[in-house]
Amino acid sequence: MDSDKRQLLIIDDDETYRGVLARSLERKGFAVQTAATSPEALEHCREQIPECILLDLNLSGQSGLNLIRPLLELSPDARIVILTGYASIQTAVGALKLGASHYLPKPANLVDIIKVLSSDDIDIPEIQDESRMSIRHLEWEYIQRVLAENEGNIAATARALKMHRRTLQRKLAKKRGPDPA
């Protein structure tokens, strides 16, 4: 890797999105590594400490929020930006409390991503009004919050939600569709 370029780690389980974003940011002068899973991301951080990390909120049904603290333990000065299609004020605040620098709803354009990777100002972009969120989306947000509170432990989260563990696993495995307006 070129030592003059800013080291960037992209953590996203969507292979196509991750690849396109990596190529775009490489053309903008970043030295990019990518990871699809939490263990892969942590291994990359151990090998080469990134200055910047783009982290998807939903990593194959697991909350990306659970990865913020371990990433910061390996790379305490890293600027972590959460990218997500599940944007809400609650998850934005939760991400910032855990140590993320910024929070961008998908689809975020390249200009916005580069801006937050370079800016010291915390600016949460306007997020859809929670009063217009579907019940399904609110349920997803609540599950993600409880999952983060239980450090990703499915059994403990299921108990806290008074839900069967398998039901919770099925809900986490489903990809959330678009919210009806």
N, C-alpha and C. Protein backbone atom coordinates (compact mmCIF):
# COMPACT_ATOMS: atom_id res chain seq x y z
N MET A 1 0.83 -1.19 0.00
CA MET A 1 0.00 0.00 0.00
C MET A 1 0.87 1.25 0.00
N ASP A 2 0.41 2.26 -0.69
CA ASP A 2 1.12 3.53 -0.78
C ASP A 2 1.00 4.27 0.55
N SER A 3 2.13 4.57 1.18
CA SER A 3 2.11 5.20 2.50
C SER A 3 1.68 6.66 2.45
N ASP A 4 1.70 7.30 1.26
CA ASP A 4 1.26 8.69 1.14
C ASP A 4 -0.25 8.82 1.09
N LYS A 5 -0.93 7.74 0.79
CA LYS A 5 -2.38 7.77 0.69
C LYS A 5 -3.00 7.49 2.04
N ARG A 6 -4.20 8.06 2.27
CA ARG A 6 -4.93 7.79 3.51
C ARG A 6 -5.45 6.35 3.48
N GLN A 7 -5.17 5.62 4.55
CA GLN A 7 -5.60 4.23 4.66
C GLN A 7 -7.09 4.17 5.00
N LEU A 8 -7.85 3.45 4.20
CA LEU A 8 -9.30 3.36 4.36
C LEU A 8 -9.72 1.90 4.34
N LEU A 9 -10.59 1.53 5.27
CA LEU A 9 -11.16 0.19 5.32
C LEU A 9 -12.66 0.31 5.09
N ILE A 10 -13.18 -0.41 4.10
CA ILE A 10 -14.61 -0.45 3.81
C ILE A 10 -15.14 -1.79 4.30
N ILE A 11 -16.14 -1.75 5.19
CA ILE A 11 -16.73 -2.97 5.73
C ILE A 11 -18.20 -2.99 5.31
N ASP A 12 -18.52 -3.86 4.37
CA ASP A 12 -19.89 -3.96 3.85
C ASP A 12 -20.07 -5.36 3.30
N ASP A 13 -21.21 -5.99 3.58
CA ASP A 13 -21.44 -7.36 3.11
C ASP A 13 -21.94 -7.41 1.67
N ASP A 14 -22.29 -6.28 1.08
CA ASP A 14 -22.74 -6.22 -0.31
C ASP A 14 -21.50 -6.12 -1.21
N GLU A 15 -21.15 -7.23 -1.85
CA GLU A 15 -19.91 -7.31 -2.62
C GLU A 15 -19.85 -6.27 -3.74
N THR A 16 -20.94 -6.08 -4.46
CA THR A 16 -20.96 -5.13 -5.57
C THR A 16 -20.78 -3.71 -5.07
N TYR A 17 -21.55 -3.32 -4.07
CA TYR A 17 -21.45 -1.97 -3.51
C TYR A 17 -20.04 -1.72 -2.97
N ARG A 18 -19.52 -2.69 -2.23
CA ARG A 18 -18.18 -2.58 -1.64
C ARG A 18 -17.12 -2.38 -2.72
N GLY A 19 -17.22 -3.15 -3.80
CA GLY A 19 -16.24 -3.06 -4.88
C GLY A 19 -16.29 -1.74 -5.62
N VAL A 20 -17.51 -1.28 -5.94
CA VAL A 20 -17.67 -0.01 -6.65
C VAL A 20 -17.16 1.15 -5.78
N LEU A 21 -17.52 1.14 -4.51
CA LEU A 21 -17.08 2.19 -3.59
C LEU A 21 -15.56 2.18 -3.44
N ALA A 22 -14.98 0.99 -3.33
CA ALA A 22 -13.52 0.88 -3.19
C ALA A 22 -12.81 1.46 -4.42
N ARG A 23 -13.26 1.08 -5.61
CA ARG A 23 -12.62 1.61 -6.83
C ARG A 23 -12.76 3.12 -6.93
N SER A 24 -13.94 3.64 -6.58
CA SER A 24 -14.17 5.08 -6.65
C SER A 24 -13.26 5.84 -5.69
N LEU A 25 -13.12 5.32 -4.47
CA LEU A 25 -12.29 6.00 -3.47
C LEU A 25 -10.80 5.83 -3.77
N GLU A 26 -10.41 4.73 -4.38
CA GLU A 26 -9.01 4.58 -4.81
C GLU A 26 -8.67 5.65 -5.85
N ARG A 27 -9.60 5.92 -6.77
CA ARG A 27 -9.38 6.96 -7.79
C ARG A 27 -9.29 8.35 -7.16
N LYS A 28 -9.84 8.51 -5.96
CA LYS A 28 -9.79 9.79 -5.26
C LYS A 28 -8.61 9.88 -4.30
N GLY A 29 -7.71 8.90 -4.36
CA GLY A 29 -6.47 9.00 -3.60
C GLY A 29 -6.40 8.23 -2.30
N PHE A 30 -7.35 7.36 -2.03
CA PHE A 30 -7.30 6.55 -0.81
C PHE A 30 -6.65 5.20 -1.10
N ALA A 31 -5.95 4.65 -0.11
CA ALA A 31 -5.45 3.28 -0.17
C ALA A 31 -6.52 2.43 0.51
N VAL A 32 -7.24 1.64 -0.27
CA VAL A 32 -8.45 0.98 0.22
C VAL A 32 -8.26 -0.51 0.45
N GLN A 33 -8.75 -0.97 1.60
CA GLN A 33 -8.90 -2.39 1.89
C GLN A 33 -10.39 -2.62 2.11
N THR A 34 -10.85 -3.84 1.85
CA THR A 34 -12.27 -4.13 2.03
C THR A 34 -12.45 -5.39 2.87
N ALA A 35 -13.61 -5.44 3.53
CA ALA A 35 -13.97 -6.62 4.32
C ALA A 35 -15.48 -6.81 4.24
N ALA A 36 -15.89 -8.08 4.24
CA ALA A 36 -17.32 -8.41 4.17
C ALA A 36 -17.88 -8.82 5.53
N THR A 37 -16.99 -9.21 6.45
CA THR A 37 -17.42 -9.73 7.75
C THR A 37 -16.65 -9.05 8.88
N SER A 38 -17.19 -9.18 10.08
CA SER A 38 -16.52 -8.61 11.26
C SER A 38 -15.13 -9.20 11.47
N PRO A 39 -14.98 -10.55 11.45
CA PRO A 39 -13.63 -11.11 11.66
C PRO A 39 -12.63 -10.63 10.60
N GLU A 40 -13.08 -10.55 9.36
CA GLU A 40 -12.21 -10.09 8.28
C GLU A 40 -11.80 -8.62 8.51
N ALA A 41 -12.74 -7.81 8.96
CA ALA A 41 -12.46 -6.39 9.24
C ALA A 41 -11.44 -6.24 10.35
N LEU A 42 -11.62 -7.00 11.42
CA LEU A 42 -10.68 -6.92 12.55
C LEU A 42 -9.29 -7.39 12.14
N GLU A 43 -9.23 -8.41 11.30
CA GLU A 43 -7.93 -8.90 10.82
C GLU A 43 -7.22 -7.81 10.00
N HIS A 44 -7.97 -7.13 9.13
CA HIS A 44 -7.38 -6.03 8.34
C HIS A 44 -6.85 -4.93 9.27
N CYS A 45 -7.60 -4.63 10.34
CA CYS A 45 -7.16 -3.59 11.29
C CYS A 45 -5.89 -3.99 12.02
N ARG A 46 -5.76 -5.27 12.31
CA ARG A 46 -4.53 -5.74 12.97
C ARG A 46 -3.33 -5.64 12.04
N GLU A 47 -3.53 -5.92 10.75
CA GLU A 47 -2.44 -5.90 9.78
C GLU A 47 -2.01 -4.49 9.41
N GLN A 48 -2.97 -3.62 9.19
CA GLN A 48 -2.68 -2.25 8.77
C GLN A 48 -3.72 -1.33 9.39
N ILE A 49 -3.31 -0.49 10.30
CA ILE A 49 -4.25 0.38 11.01
C ILE A 49 -4.80 1.44 10.06
N PRO A 50 -6.13 1.42 9.83
CA PRO A 50 -6.71 2.41 8.92
C PRO A 50 -6.93 3.76 9.60
N GLU A 51 -6.84 4.82 8.80
CA GLU A 51 -7.16 6.15 9.30
C GLU A 51 -8.67 6.38 9.26
N CYS A 52 -9.32 5.74 8.29
CA CYS A 52 -10.75 5.92 8.07
C CYS A 52 -11.41 4.56 7.87
N ILE A 53 -12.63 4.44 8.35
CA ILE A 53 -13.38 3.20 8.21
C ILE A 53 -14.81 3.54 7.79
N LEU A 54 -15.27 2.94 6.70
CA LEU A 54 -16.67 3.03 6.30
C LEU A 54 -17.32 1.73 6.72
N LEU A 55 -18.32 1.80 7.58
CA LEU A 55 -18.92 0.62 8.18
C LEU A 55 -20.41 0.57 7.92
N ASP A 56 -20.87 -0.53 7.32
CA ASP A 56 -22.29 -0.73 7.07
C ASP A 56 -22.96 -1.11 8.37
N LEU A 57 -24.18 -0.62 8.60
CA LEU A 57 -24.90 -0.92 9.83
C LEU A 57 -25.37 -2.37 9.87
N ASN A 58 -25.75 -2.92 8.73
CA ASN A 58 -26.27 -4.29 8.69
C ASN A 58 -25.28 -5.19 7.96
N LEU A 59 -24.58 -6.01 8.71
CA LEU A 59 -23.60 -6.94 8.12
C LEU A 59 -24.17 -8.35 8.20
N SER A 60 -24.85 -8.76 7.16
CA SER A 60 -25.45 -10.09 7.09
C SER A 60 -26.30 -10.40 8.32
N GLY A 61 -27.16 -9.45 8.69
CA GLY A 61 -28.05 -9.65 9.81
C GLY A 61 -27.47 -9.29 11.17
N GLN A 62 -26.20 -8.98 11.23
CA GLN A 62 -25.55 -8.56 12.48
C GLN A 62 -25.42 -7.05 12.47
N SER A 63 -25.51 -6.44 13.63
CA SER A 63 -25.40 -4.99 13.72
C SER A 63 -23.94 -4.55 13.62
N GLY A 64 -23.68 -3.63 12.70
CA GLY A 64 -22.34 -3.06 12.58
C GLY A 64 -21.97 -2.23 13.80
N LEU A 65 -22.97 -1.80 14.58
CA LEU A 65 -22.68 -1.04 15.80
C LEU A 65 -21.81 -1.84 16.75
N ASN A 66 -21.97 -3.16 16.75
CA ASN A 66 -21.18 -4.02 17.64
C ASN A 66 -19.70 -4.04 17.26
N LEU A 67 -19.39 -3.58 16.08
CA LEU A 67 -18.01 -3.61 15.60
C LEU A 67 -17.25 -2.32 15.92
N ILE A 68 -17.97 -1.26 16.28
CA ILE A 68 -17.32 0.04 16.50
C ILE A 68 -16.26 -0.03 17.60
N ARG A 69 -16.61 -0.53 18.76
CA ARG A 69 -15.64 -0.57 19.88
C ARG A 69 -14.41 -1.43 19.57
N PRO A 70 -14.59 -2.67 19.04
CA PRO A 70 -13.39 -3.46 18.72
C PRO A 70 -12.51 -2.78 17.67
N LEU A 71 -13.12 -2.09 16.71
CA LEU A 71 -12.33 -1.37 15.70
C LEU A 71 -11.54 -0.24 16.34
N LEU A 72 -12.18 0.48 17.26
CA LEU A 72 -11.49 1.59 17.92
C LEU A 72 -10.41 1.11 18.89
N GLU A 73 -10.56 -0.10 19.42
CA GLU A 73 -9.49 -0.66 20.26
C GLU A 73 -8.24 -0.92 19.43
N LEU A 74 -8.43 -1.37 18.19
CA LEU A 74 -7.30 -1.66 17.31
C LEU A 74 -6.77 -0.40 16.63
N SER A 75 -7.66 0.55 16.38
CA SER A 75 -7.29 1.78 15.68
C SER A 75 -7.99 2.97 16.35
N PRO A 76 -7.47 3.41 17.52
CA PRO A 76 -8.16 4.42 18.32
C PRO A 76 -8.37 5.77 17.64
N ASP A 77 -7.54 6.11 16.68
CA ASP A 77 -7.68 7.41 16.01
C ASP A 77 -8.47 7.34 14.72
N ALA A 78 -9.00 6.17 14.40
CA ALA A 78 -9.72 6.01 13.13
C ALA A 78 -11.01 6.82 13.13
N ARG A 79 -11.30 7.37 11.98
CA ARG A 79 -12.56 8.08 11.76
C ARG A 79 -13.53 7.04 11.20
N ILE A 80 -14.55 6.67 11.99
CA ILE A 80 -15.52 5.66 11.56
C ILE A 80 -16.78 6.34 11.08
N VAL A 81 -17.17 6.02 9.85
CA VAL A 81 -18.39 6.56 9.26
C VAL A 81 -19.34 5.40 9.02
N ILE A 82 -20.54 5.51 9.59
CA ILE A 82 -21.56 4.49 9.40
C ILE A 82 -22.32 4.82 8.12
N LEU A 83 -22.41 3.85 7.22
CA LEU A 83 -23.22 3.96 6.01
C LEU A 83 -24.36 2.96 6.15
N THR A 84 -25.59 3.41 5.94
CA THR A 84 -26.69 2.48 6.12
C THR A 84 -27.93 2.83 5.34
N GLY A 85 -28.63 1.80 4.95
CA GLY A 85 -29.94 1.96 4.33
C GLY A 85 -31.02 1.97 5.38
N TYR A 86 -30.66 1.80 6.65
CA TYR A 86 -31.61 1.74 7.75
C TYR A 86 -31.48 2.99 8.62
N ALA A 87 -31.50 4.14 7.99
CA ALA A 87 -31.21 5.38 8.70
C ALA A 87 -32.35 5.80 9.63
N SER A 88 -31.97 6.13 10.85
CA SER A 88 -32.90 6.73 11.81
C SER A 88 -32.09 7.56 12.78
N ILE A 89 -32.75 8.47 13.42
CA ILE A 89 -32.07 9.33 14.40
C ILE A 89 -31.53 8.48 15.55
N GLN A 90 -32.31 7.49 15.96
CA GLN A 90 -31.91 6.64 17.09
C GLN A 90 -30.60 5.91 16.80
N THR A 91 -30.48 5.30 15.63
CA THR A 91 -29.24 4.58 15.33
C THR A 91 -28.08 5.54 15.09
N ALA A 92 -28.36 6.72 14.55
CA ALA A 92 -27.30 7.71 14.36
C ALA A 92 -26.72 8.12 15.71
N VAL A 93 -27.59 8.42 16.65
CA VAL A 93 -27.13 8.82 17.99
C VAL A 93 -26.38 7.66 18.65
N GLY A 94 -26.91 6.44 18.52
CA GLY A 94 -26.25 5.27 19.10
C GLY A 94 -24.85 5.07 18.53
N ALA A 95 -24.72 5.23 17.21
CA ALA A 95 -23.41 5.08 16.55
C ALA A 95 -22.43 6.12 17.06
N LEU A 96 -22.88 7.36 17.19
CA LEU A 96 -22.01 8.44 17.66
C LEU A 96 -21.59 8.22 19.11
N LYS A 97 -22.51 7.73 19.93
CA LYS A 97 -22.18 7.44 21.34
C LYS A 97 -21.14 6.34 21.45
N LEU A 98 -21.16 5.39 20.53
CA LEU A 98 -20.20 4.29 20.55
C LEU A 98 -18.83 4.70 20.00
N GLY A 99 -18.75 5.86 19.36
CA GLY A 99 -17.45 6.34 18.88
C GLY A 99 -17.36 6.60 17.40
N ALA A 100 -18.44 6.40 16.65
CA ALA A 100 -18.41 6.72 15.23
C ALA A 100 -18.26 8.23 15.06
N SER A 101 -17.63 8.65 13.98
CA SER A 101 -17.42 10.07 13.71
C SER A 101 -18.60 10.68 12.96
N HIS A 102 -19.17 9.91 12.05
CA HIS A 102 -20.26 10.40 11.20
C HIS A 102 -21.20 9.26 10.88
N TYR A 103 -22.32 9.64 10.29
CA TYR A 103 -23.38 8.71 9.96
C TYR A 103 -24.02 9.19 8.67
N LEU A 104 -24.00 8.36 7.63
CA LEU A 104 -24.60 8.74 6.35
C LEU A 104 -25.62 7.70 5.91
N PRO A 105 -26.81 8.14 5.54
CA PRO A 105 -27.78 7.18 4.99
C PRO A 105 -27.42 6.85 3.54
N LYS A 106 -27.64 5.57 3.16
CA LYS A 106 -27.43 5.17 1.78
C LYS A 106 -28.66 5.57 0.98
N PRO A 107 -28.54 5.90 -0.25
CA PRO A 107 -27.27 5.94 -0.98
C PRO A 107 -26.57 7.28 -0.74
N ALA A 108 -25.36 7.21 -0.24
CA ALA A 108 -24.56 8.41 -0.04
C ALA A 108 -23.69 8.60 -1.28
N ASN A 109 -23.59 9.85 -1.73
CA ASN A 109 -22.75 10.05 -2.92
C ASN A 109 -21.29 10.20 -2.51
N LEU A 110 -20.42 10.05 -3.48
CA LEU A 110 -18.98 10.05 -3.24
C LEU A 110 -18.51 11.38 -2.63
N VAL A 111 -19.08 12.49 -3.06
CA VAL A 111 -18.70 13.80 -2.53
C VAL A 111 -18.98 13.87 -1.02
N ASP A 112 -20.17 13.39 -0.61
CA ASP A 112 -20.52 13.40 0.82
C ASP A 112 -19.60 12.49 1.62
N ILE A 113 -19.28 11.32 1.08
CA ILE A 113 -18.40 10.38 1.77
C ILE A 113 -17.02 10.98 1.97
N ILE A 114 -16.46 11.56 0.92
CA ILE A 114 -15.13 12.18 1.03
C ILE A 114 -15.17 13.35 2.00
N LYS A 115 -16.26 14.11 1.99
CA LYS A 115 -16.39 15.25 2.90
C LYS A 115 -16.34 14.79 4.35
N VAL A 116 -17.09 13.73 4.71
CA VAL A 116 -17.09 13.29 6.11
C VAL A 116 -15.80 12.59 6.50
N LEU A 117 -15.11 12.02 5.53
CA LEU A 117 -13.83 11.40 5.83
C LEU A 117 -12.76 12.46 6.10
N SER A 118 -12.99 13.67 5.62
CA SER A 118 -12.01 14.74 5.76
C SER A 118 -12.38 15.80 6.78
N SER A 119 -13.64 15.83 7.21
CA SER A 119 -14.14 16.89 8.08
C SER A 119 -14.08 16.49 9.55
N ASP A 120 -13.83 17.48 10.41
CA ASP A 120 -13.84 17.24 11.85
C ASP A 120 -15.19 17.58 12.47
N ASP A 121 -16.07 18.19 11.69
CA ASP A 121 -17.39 18.55 12.20
C ASP A 121 -18.32 17.35 12.14
N ILE A 122 -19.07 17.13 13.22
CA ILE A 122 -20.07 16.08 13.23
C ILE A 122 -21.37 16.71 12.75
N ASP A 123 -21.86 16.21 11.64
CA ASP A 123 -23.08 16.74 11.05
C ASP A 123 -23.93 15.56 10.63
N ILE A 124 -25.00 15.30 11.38
CA ILE A 124 -25.88 14.20 11.02
C ILE A 124 -26.80 14.71 9.93
N PRO A 125 -26.78 14.07 8.75
CA PRO A 125 -27.63 14.53 7.67
C PRO A 125 -29.09 14.33 8.02
N GLU A 126 -29.94 15.07 7.31
CA GLU A 126 -31.37 14.94 7.57
C GLU A 126 -31.81 13.51 7.27
N ILE A 127 -32.53 12.95 8.21
CA ILE A 127 -32.99 11.57 8.10
C ILE A 127 -34.50 11.60 8.06
N GLN A 128 -35.07 10.64 7.37
CA GLN A 128 -36.52 10.64 7.23
C GLN A 128 -37.21 10.77 8.57
N ASP A 129 -38.35 11.43 8.56
CA ASP A 129 -39.14 11.66 9.77
C ASP A 129 -39.59 10.33 10.33
N GLU A 130 -39.26 10.07 11.61
CA GLU A 130 -39.61 8.79 12.22
C GLU A 130 -41.11 8.56 12.26
N SER A 131 -41.92 9.63 12.22
CA SER A 131 -43.36 9.44 12.24
C SER A 131 -43.86 8.80 10.95
N ARG A 132 -43.05 8.79 9.91
CA ARG A 132 -43.45 8.19 8.64
C ARG A 132 -42.84 6.81 8.43
N MET A 133 -42.09 6.32 9.39
CA MET A 133 -41.48 5.01 9.25
C MET A 133 -42.53 3.92 9.38
N SER A 134 -42.31 2.85 8.67
CA SER A 134 -43.23 1.73 8.77
C SER A 134 -43.01 0.99 10.09
N ILE A 135 -43.99 0.21 10.47
CA ILE A 135 -43.88 -0.61 11.67
C ILE A 135 -42.70 -1.56 11.53
N ARG A 136 -42.52 -2.12 10.34
CA ARG A 136 -41.42 -3.04 10.09
C ARG A 136 -40.06 -2.37 10.32
N HIS A 137 -39.95 -1.13 9.86
CA HIS A 137 -38.69 -0.40 10.03
C HIS A 137 -38.45 -0.10 11.50
N LEU A 138 -39.48 0.35 12.21
CA LEU A 138 -39.33 0.63 13.63
C LEU A 138 -38.95 -0.63 14.40
N GLU A 139 -39.55 -1.76 14.03
CA GLU A 139 -39.20 -3.02 14.68
C GLU A 139 -37.72 -3.34 14.43
N TRP A 140 -37.27 -3.15 13.19
CA TRP A 140 -35.87 -3.42 12.84
C TRP A 140 -34.93 -2.54 13.68
N GLU A 141 -35.25 -1.26 13.79
CA GLU A 141 -34.43 -0.35 14.57
C GLU A 141 -34.37 -0.77 16.04
N TYR A 142 -35.52 -1.15 16.59
CA TYR A 142 -35.56 -1.56 17.98
C TYR A 142 -34.74 -2.84 18.19
N ILE A 143 -34.89 -3.80 17.29
CA ILE A 143 -34.12 -5.03 17.38
C ILE A 143 -32.62 -4.72 17.33
N GLN A 144 -32.21 -3.83 16.42
CA GLN A 144 -30.80 -3.48 16.29
C GLN A 144 -30.28 -2.82 17.57
N ARG A 145 -31.10 -1.97 18.19
CA ARG A 145 -30.68 -1.30 19.42
C ARG A 145 -30.51 -2.31 20.56
N VAL A 146 -31.49 -3.22 20.70
CA VAL A 146 -31.40 -4.22 21.77
C VAL A 146 -30.24 -5.17 21.49
N LEU A 147 -30.01 -5.51 20.23
CA LEU A 147 -28.89 -6.37 19.85
C LEU A 147 -27.56 -5.69 20.21
N ALA A 148 -27.45 -4.41 19.95
CA ALA A 148 -26.23 -3.67 20.31
C ALA A 148 -26.04 -3.62 21.82
N GLU A 149 -27.15 -3.42 22.56
CA GLU A 149 -27.07 -3.40 24.02
C GLU A 149 -26.59 -4.74 24.58
N ASN A 150 -26.90 -5.83 23.85
CA ASN A 150 -26.49 -7.17 24.28
C ASN A 150 -25.23 -7.64 23.56
N GLU A 151 -24.49 -6.69 23.00
CA GLU A 151 -23.21 -6.95 22.34
C GLU A 151 -23.29 -8.06 21.31
N GLY A 152 -24.40 -8.09 20.55
CA GLY A 152 -24.54 -9.05 19.47
C GLY A 152 -24.98 -10.43 19.90
N ASN A 153 -25.23 -10.65 21.17
CA ASN A 153 -25.63 -11.97 21.66
C ASN A 153 -27.10 -12.20 21.31
N ILE A 154 -27.34 -13.15 20.39
CA ILE A 154 -28.69 -13.43 19.89
C ILE A 154 -29.59 -13.96 21.01
N ALA A 155 -29.10 -14.90 21.81
CA ALA A 155 -29.92 -15.50 22.86
C ALA A 155 -30.34 -14.44 23.89
N ALA A 156 -29.40 -13.60 24.30
CA ALA A 156 -29.71 -12.55 25.29
C ALA A 156 -30.68 -11.53 24.69
N THR A 157 -30.50 -11.19 23.41
CA THR A 157 -31.40 -10.25 22.75
C THR A 157 -32.80 -10.83 22.66
N ALA A 158 -32.90 -12.11 22.29
CA ALA A 158 -34.21 -12.76 22.19
C ALA A 158 -34.92 -12.75 23.55
N ARG A 159 -34.16 -13.02 24.62
CA ARG A 159 -34.76 -12.98 25.96
C ARG A 159 -35.24 -11.57 26.29
N ALA A 160 -34.43 -10.56 25.99
CA ALA A 160 -34.80 -9.17 26.28
C ALA A 160 -36.04 -8.74 25.49
N LEU A 161 -36.17 -9.27 24.29
CA LEU A 161 -37.31 -8.93 23.44
C LEU A 161 -38.52 -9.83 23.70
N LYS A 162 -38.34 -10.83 24.59
CA LYS A 162 -39.38 -11.82 24.86
C LYS A 162 -39.84 -12.47 23.56
N MET A 163 -38.83 -12.92 22.80
CA MET A 163 -39.04 -13.50 21.49
C MET A 163 -38.25 -14.80 21.43
N HIS A 164 -38.76 -15.77 20.68
CA HIS A 164 -38.01 -17.01 20.51
C HIS A 164 -36.74 -16.72 19.72
N ARG A 165 -35.65 -17.37 20.08
CA ARG A 165 -34.36 -17.14 19.43
C ARG A 165 -34.43 -17.36 17.93
N ARG A 166 -35.11 -18.43 17.49
CA ARG A 166 -35.20 -18.71 16.04
C ARG A 166 -36.00 -17.63 15.31
N THR A 167 -37.03 -17.11 15.96
CA THR A 167 -37.81 -16.03 15.35
C THR A 167 -36.92 -14.81 15.15
N LEU A 168 -36.13 -14.48 16.16
CA LEU A 168 -35.22 -13.35 16.04
C LEU A 168 -34.20 -13.60 14.92
N GLN A 169 -33.66 -14.79 14.85
CA GLN A 169 -32.69 -15.10 13.80
C GLN A 169 -33.31 -14.95 12.41
N ARG A 170 -34.56 -15.38 12.25
CA ARG A 170 -35.24 -15.22 10.95
C ARG A 170 -35.42 -13.75 10.62
N LYS A 171 -35.81 -12.95 11.60
CA LYS A 171 -35.99 -11.51 11.37
C LYS A 171 -34.66 -10.86 10.97
N LEU A 172 -33.59 -11.26 11.61
CA LEU A 172 -32.28 -10.68 11.30
C LEU A 172 -31.78 -11.12 9.94
N ALA A 173 -32.16 -12.31 9.51
CA ALA A 173 -31.68 -12.85 8.24
C ALA A 173 -32.38 -12.20 7.05
N LYS A 174 -33.57 -11.69 7.26
CA LYS A 174 -34.33 -11.07 6.16
C LYS A 174 -33.73 -9.73 5.82
N LYS A 175 -33.65 -9.46 4.52
CA LYS A 175 -33.26 -8.12 4.08
C LYS A 175 -34.49 -7.25 4.10
N ARG A 176 -34.41 -6.10 4.75
CA ARG A 176 -35.55 -5.20 4.85
C ARG A 176 -35.81 -4.57 3.50
N GLY A 177 -37.05 -4.61 3.05
CA GLY A 177 -37.44 -3.99 1.80
C GLY A 177 -37.69 -2.50 1.98
N PRO A 178 -38.05 -1.81 0.89
CA PRO A 178 -38.28 -0.36 1.00
C PRO A 178 -39.53 -0.08 1.83
N ASP A 179 -39.49 1.02 2.56
CA ASP A 179 -40.64 1.45 3.36
C ASP A 179 -41.68 2.08 2.45
N PRO A 180 -42.94 1.71 2.62
CA PRO A 180 -43.97 2.39 1.84
C PRO A 180 -44.16 3.80 2.38
N ALA A 181 -44.29 4.75 1.50
CA ALA A 181 -44.44 6.15 1.93
C ALA A 181 -45.88 6.47 2.26
